[in-house]
Amino acid sequence: MTIKTLAAAVVLTLAPVLAFAEGCNYGQKVTMSCAEGMVYDSETGTCVTNTTS
C-alpha cells in the first residue's frame, strides 16, 4: 500500500468524525421571547411584567 493510498484512507475515515465535532453547539446562547407586555429578566431567567411603560 502506498503512502498516498494510506493517507487518503485515513482522511476518509476521519472526515465524518471531524464533521460531527464541528456541528456541536455546546455553549450556544438561546434567544428567549416573552409574551406581549412582558420583558425578559436575566437575573431570574424568566419573563416579568414590563413596569416601565
PDB file of N, CA and C in Angstrom:
ATOM      1  N   MET A   1       0.863  -1.178   0.000  1.00  0.00           N
ATOM      2  CA  MET A   1       0.000   0.000   0.000  1.00  0.00           C
ATOM      3  C   MET A   1       0.908   1.240   0.000  1.00  0.00           C
ATOM      4  N   THR A   2       0.620   2.148  -0.884  1.00  0.00           N
ATOM      5  CA  THR A   2       1.469   3.323  -0.966  1.00  0.00           C
ATOM      6  C   THR A   2       1.082   4.335   0.108  1.00  0.00           C
ATOM      7  N   ILE A   3       1.940   5.268   0.330  1.00  0.00           N
ATOM      8  CA  ILE A   3       1.719   6.309   1.335  1.00  0.00           C
ATOM      9  C   ILE A   3       0.485   7.147   0.971  1.00  0.00           C
ATOM     10  N   LYS A   4       0.312   7.490  -0.303  1.00  0.00           N
ATOM     11  CA  LYS A   4      -0.831   8.297  -0.726  1.00  0.00           C
ATOM     12  C   LYS A   4      -2.145   7.568  -0.458  1.00  0.00           C
ATOM     13  N   THR A   5      -2.180   6.281  -0.747  1.00  0.00           N
ATOM     14  CA  THR A   5      -3.391   5.500  -0.512  1.00  0.00           C
ATOM     15  C   THR A   5      -3.697   5.414   0.976  1.00  0.00           C
ATOM     16  N   LEU A   6      -2.683   5.210   1.772  1.00  0.00           N
ATOM     17  CA  LEU A   6      -2.853   5.140   3.217  1.00  0.00           C
ATOM     18  C   LEU A   6      -3.339   6.484   3.776  1.00  0.00           C
ATOM     19  N   ALA A   7      -2.763   7.571   3.298  1.00  0.00           N
ATOM     20  CA  ALA A   7      -3.168   8.903   3.753  1.00  0.00           C
ATOM     21  C   ALA A   7      -4.615   9.184   3.354  1.00  0.00           C
ATOM     22  N   ALA A   8      -5.008   8.816   2.146  1.00  0.00           N
ATOM     23  CA  ALA A   8      -6.387   9.021   1.693  1.00  0.00           C
ATOM     24  C   ALA A   8      -7.359   8.203   2.542  1.00  0.00           C
ATOM     25  N   ALA A   9      -6.981   6.983   2.883  1.00  0.00           N
ATOM     26  CA  ALA A   9      -7.831   6.134   3.708  1.00  0.00           C
ATOM     27  C   ALA A   9      -8.016   6.733   5.105  1.00  0.00           C
ATOM     28  N   VAL A  10      -6.969   7.282   5.667  1.00  0.00           N
ATOM     29  CA  VAL A  10      -7.053   7.903   6.994  1.00  0.00           C
ATOM     30  C   VAL A  10      -7.940   9.136   6.954  1.00  0.00           C
ATOM     31  N   VAL A  11      -7.781   9.973   5.946  1.00  0.00           N
ATOM     32  CA  VAL A  11      -8.583  11.188   5.819  1.00  0.00           C
ATOM     33  C   VAL A  11     -10.052  10.838   5.645  1.00  0.00           C
ATOM     34  N   LEU A  12     -10.359   9.872   4.793  1.00  0.00           N
ATOM     35  CA  LEU A  12     -11.750   9.490   4.562  1.00  0.00           C
ATOM     36  C   LEU A  12     -12.370   8.821   5.782  1.00  0.00           C
ATOM     37  N   THR A  13     -11.563   8.181   6.587  1.00  0.00           N
ATOM     38  CA  THR A  13     -12.062   7.556   7.810  1.00  0.00           C
ATOM     39  C   THR A  13     -12.363   8.605   8.870  1.00  0.00           C
ATOM     40  N   LEU A  14     -11.555   9.638   8.965  1.00  0.00           N
ATOM     41  CA  LEU A  14     -11.720  10.654   9.997  1.00  0.00           C
ATOM     42  C   LEU A  14     -12.661  11.787   9.608  1.00  0.00           C
ATOM     43  N   ALA A  15     -13.001  11.931   8.349  1.00  0.00           N
ATOM     44  CA  ALA A  15     -13.845  13.039   7.897  1.00  0.00           C
ATOM     45  C   ALA A  15     -15.196  13.099   8.612  1.00  0.00           C
ATOM     46  N   PRO A  16     -15.936  11.994   8.754  1.00  0.00           N
ATOM     47  CA  PRO A  16     -17.222  12.080   9.458  1.00  0.00           C
ATOM     48  C   PRO A  16     -17.070  12.475  10.927  1.00  0.00           C
ATOM     49  N   VAL A  17     -16.023  12.034  11.560  1.00  0.00           N
ATOM     50  CA  VAL A  17     -15.788  12.378  12.968  1.00  0.00           C
ATOM     51  C   VAL A  17     -15.537  13.875  13.102  1.00  0.00           C
ATOM     52  N   LEU A  18     -14.740  14.422  12.226  1.00  0.00           N
ATOM     53  CA  LEU A  18     -14.445  15.857  12.270  1.00  0.00           C
ATOM     54  C   LEU A  18     -15.686  16.687  11.929  1.00  0.00           C
ATOM     55  N   ALA A  19     -16.497  16.208  10.999  1.00  0.00           N
ATOM     56  CA  ALA A  19     -17.727  16.929  10.646  1.00  0.00           C
ATOM     57  C   ALA A  19     -18.699  16.923  11.816  1.00  0.00           C
ATOM     58  N   PHE A  20     -18.799  15.817  12.528  1.00  0.00           N
ATOM     59  CA  PHE A  20     -19.681  15.741  13.687  1.00  0.00           C
ATOM     60  C   PHE A  20     -19.208  16.687  14.788  1.00  0.00           C
ATOM     61  N   ALA A  21     -17.913  16.751  15.022  1.00  0.00           N
ATOM     62  CA  ALA A  21     -17.374  17.623  16.066  1.00  0.00           C
ATOM     63  C   ALA A  21     -17.625  19.088  15.730  1.00  0.00           C
ATOM     64  N   GLU A  22     -17.618  19.437  14.466  1.00  0.00           N
ATOM     65  CA  GLU A  22     -17.864  20.815  14.047  1.00  0.00           C
ATOM     66  C   GLU A  22     -19.314  21.211  14.300  1.00  0.00           C
ATOM     67  N   GLY A  23     -20.215  20.259  14.282  1.00  0.00           N
ATOM     68  CA  GLY A  23     -21.628  20.544  14.431  1.00  0.00           C
ATOM     69  C   GLY A  23     -22.111  20.668  15.861  1.00  0.00           C
ATOM     70  N   CYS A  24     -21.268  20.446  16.833  1.00  0.00           N
ATOM     71  CA  CYS A  24     -21.688  20.534  18.233  1.00  0.00           C
ATOM     72  C   CYS A  24     -21.961  21.990  18.597  1.00  0.00           C
ATOM     73  N   ASN A  25     -23.007  22.212  19.355  1.00  0.00           N
ATOM     74  CA  ASN A  25     -23.398  23.576  19.703  1.00  0.00           C
ATOM     75  C   ASN A  25     -23.333  23.818  21.204  1.00  0.00           C
ATOM     76  N   TYR A  26     -22.401  23.205  21.880  1.00  0.00           N
ATOM     77  CA  TYR A  26     -22.290  23.418  23.311  1.00  0.00           C
ATOM     78  C   TYR A  26     -21.910  24.863  23.577  1.00  0.00           C
ATOM     79  N   GLY A  27     -22.622  25.496  24.496  1.00  0.00           N
ATOM     80  CA  GLY A  27     -22.332  26.876  24.839  1.00  0.00           C
ATOM     81  C   GLY A  27     -23.035  27.889  23.961  1.00  0.00           C
ATOM     82  N   GLN A  28     -23.864  27.419  23.045  1.00  0.00           N
ATOM     83  CA  GLN A  28     -24.582  28.346  22.186  1.00  0.00           C
ATOM     84  C   GLN A  28     -25.690  29.026  22.987  1.00  0.00           C
ATOM     85  N   LYS A  29     -25.822  30.323  22.812  1.00  0.00           N
ATOM     86  CA  LYS A  29     -26.856  31.062  23.527  1.00  0.00           C
ATOM     87  C   LYS A  29     -28.202  30.879  22.840  1.00  0.00           C
ATOM     88  N   VAL A  30     -29.234  30.803  23.650  1.00  0.00           N
ATOM     89  CA  VAL A  30     -30.593  30.642  23.139  1.00  0.00           C
ATOM     90  C   VAL A  30     -31.333  31.962  23.343  1.00  0.00           C
ATOM     91  N   THR A  31     -32.028  32.401  22.319  1.00  0.00           N
ATOM     92  CA  THR A  31     -32.792  33.635  22.406  1.00  0.00           C
ATOM     93  C   THR A  31     -34.192  33.305  22.916  1.00  0.00           C
ATOM     94  N   MET A  32     -34.605  33.981  23.965  1.00  0.00           N
ATOM     95  CA  MET A  32     -35.920  33.741  24.538  1.00  0.00           C
ATOM     96  C   MET A  32     -36.825  34.903  24.199  1.00  0.00           C
ATOM     97  N   SER A  33     -38.075  34.612  23.875  1.00  0.00           N
ATOM     98  CA  SER A  33     -39.030  35.675  23.609  1.00  0.00           C
ATOM     99  C   SER A  33     -40.146  35.587  24.638  1.00  0.00           C
ATOM    100  N   CYS A  34     -40.627  36.734  25.048  1.00  0.00           N
ATOM    101  CA  CYS A  34     -41.680  36.821  26.061  1.00  0.00           C
ATOM    102  C   CYS A  34     -42.976  37.278  25.399  1.00  0.00           C
ATOM    103  N   ALA A  35     -44.065  37.030  26.092  1.00  0.00           N
ATOM    104  CA  ALA A  35     -45.374  37.453  25.605  1.00  0.00           C
ATOM    105  C   ALA A  35     -45.449  38.979  25.571  1.00  0.00           C
ATOM    106  N   GLU A  36     -46.427  39.494  24.856  1.00  0.00           N
ATOM    107  CA  GLU A  36     -46.604  40.943  24.742  1.00  0.00           C
ATOM    108  C   GLU A  36     -46.853  41.555  26.118  1.00  0.00           C
ATOM    109  N   GLY A  37     -46.152  42.655  26.399  1.00  0.00           N
ATOM    110  CA  GLY A  37     -46.289  43.330  27.683  1.00  0.00           C
ATOM    111  C   GLY A  37     -45.358  42.792  28.751  1.00  0.00           C
ATOM    112  N   MET A  38     -44.497  41.843  28.369  1.00  0.00           N
ATOM    113  CA  MET A  38     -43.551  41.265  29.328  1.00  0.00           C
ATOM    114  C   MET A  38     -42.141  41.415  28.787  1.00  0.00           C
ATOM    115  N   VAL A  39     -41.175  41.419  29.672  1.00  0.00           N
ATOM    116  CA  VAL A  39     -39.763  41.519  29.298  1.00  0.00           C
ATOM    117  C   VAL A  39     -38.989  40.408  29.989  1.00  0.00           C
ATOM    118  N   TYR A  40     -37.849  40.049  29.411  1.00  0.00           N
ATOM    119  CA  TYR A  40     -37.009  39.002  29.975  1.00  0.00           C
ATOM    120  C   TYR A  40     -36.143  39.553  31.100  1.00  0.00           C
ATOM    121  N   ASP A  41     -36.186  38.915  32.262  1.00  0.00           N
ATOM    122  CA  ASP A  41     -35.359  39.294  33.408  1.00  0.00           C
ATOM    123  C   ASP A  41     -34.185  38.324  33.462  1.00  0.00           C
ATOM    124  N   SER A  42     -32.981  38.822  33.140  1.00  0.00           N
ATOM    125  CA  SER A  42     -31.810  37.949  33.079  1.00  0.00           C
ATOM    126  C   SER A  42     -31.381  37.429  34.446  1.00  0.00           C
ATOM    127  N   GLU A  43     -31.731  38.133  35.514  1.00  0.00           N
ATOM    128  CA  GLU A  43     -31.358  37.682  36.858  1.00  0.00           C
ATOM    129  C   GLU A  43     -32.122  36.426  37.256  1.00  0.00           C
ATOM    130  N   THR A  44     -33.419  36.407  36.959  1.00  0.00           N
ATOM    131  CA  THR A  44     -34.234  35.243  37.337  1.00  0.00           C
ATOM    132  C   THR A  44     -34.381  34.246  36.203  1.00  0.00           C
ATOM    133  N   GLY A  45     -34.111  34.685  34.971  1.00  0.00           N
ATOM    134  CA  GLY A  45     -34.241  33.804  33.821  1.00  0.00           C
ATOM    135  C   GLY A  45     -35.691  33.578  33.411  1.00  0.00           C
ATOM    136  N   THR A  46     -36.581  34.510  33.752  1.00  0.00           N
ATOM    137  CA  THR A  46     -37.996  34.386  33.427  1.00  0.00           C
ATOM    138  C   THR A  46     -38.513  35.681  32.825  1.00  0.00           C
ATOM    139  N   CYS A  47     -39.745  35.604  32.318  1.00  0.00           N
ATOM    140  CA  CYS A  47     -40.419  36.796  31.809  1.00  0.00           C
ATOM    141  C   CYS A  47     -41.183  37.448  32.942  1.00  0.00           C
ATOM    142  N   VAL A  48     -41.088  38.775  33.020  1.00  0.00           N
ATOM    143  CA  VAL A  48     -41.790  39.524  34.057  1.00  0.00           C
ATOM    144  C   VAL A  48     -42.580  40.647  33.397  1.00  0.00           C
ATOM    145  N   THR A  49     -43.567  41.167  34.095  1.00  0.00           N
ATOM    146  CA  THR A  49     -44.380  42.249  33.579  1.00  0.00           C
ATOM    147  C   THR A  49     -43.522  43.497  33.397  1.00  0.00           C
ATOM    148  N   ASN A  50     -43.705  44.165  32.258  1.00  0.00           N
ATOM    149  CA  ASN A  50     -42.963  45.372  31.946  1.00  0.00           C
ATOM    150  C   ASN A  50     -43.542  46.529  32.745  1.00  0.00           C
ATOM    151  N   THR A  51     -42.759  47.078  33.676  1.00  0.00           N
ATOM    152  CA  THR A  51     -43.237  48.159  34.542  1.00  0.00           C
ATOM    153  C   THR A  51     -42.816  49.540  34.065  1.00  0.00           C
ATOM    154  N   THR A  52     -42.081  49.634  32.967  1.00  0.00           N
ATOM    155  CA  THR A  52     -41.572  50.928  32.503  1.00  0.00           C
ATOM    156  C   THR A  52     -42.522  51.617  31.532  1.00  0.00           C
ATOM    157  N   SER A  53     -43.579  50.962  31.117  1.00  0.00           N
ATOM    158  CA  SER A  53     -44.468  51.618  30.125  1.00  0.00           C
ATOM    159  C   SER A  53     -45.766  52.055  30.731  1.00  0.00           C
TER     160      SER A  53
END
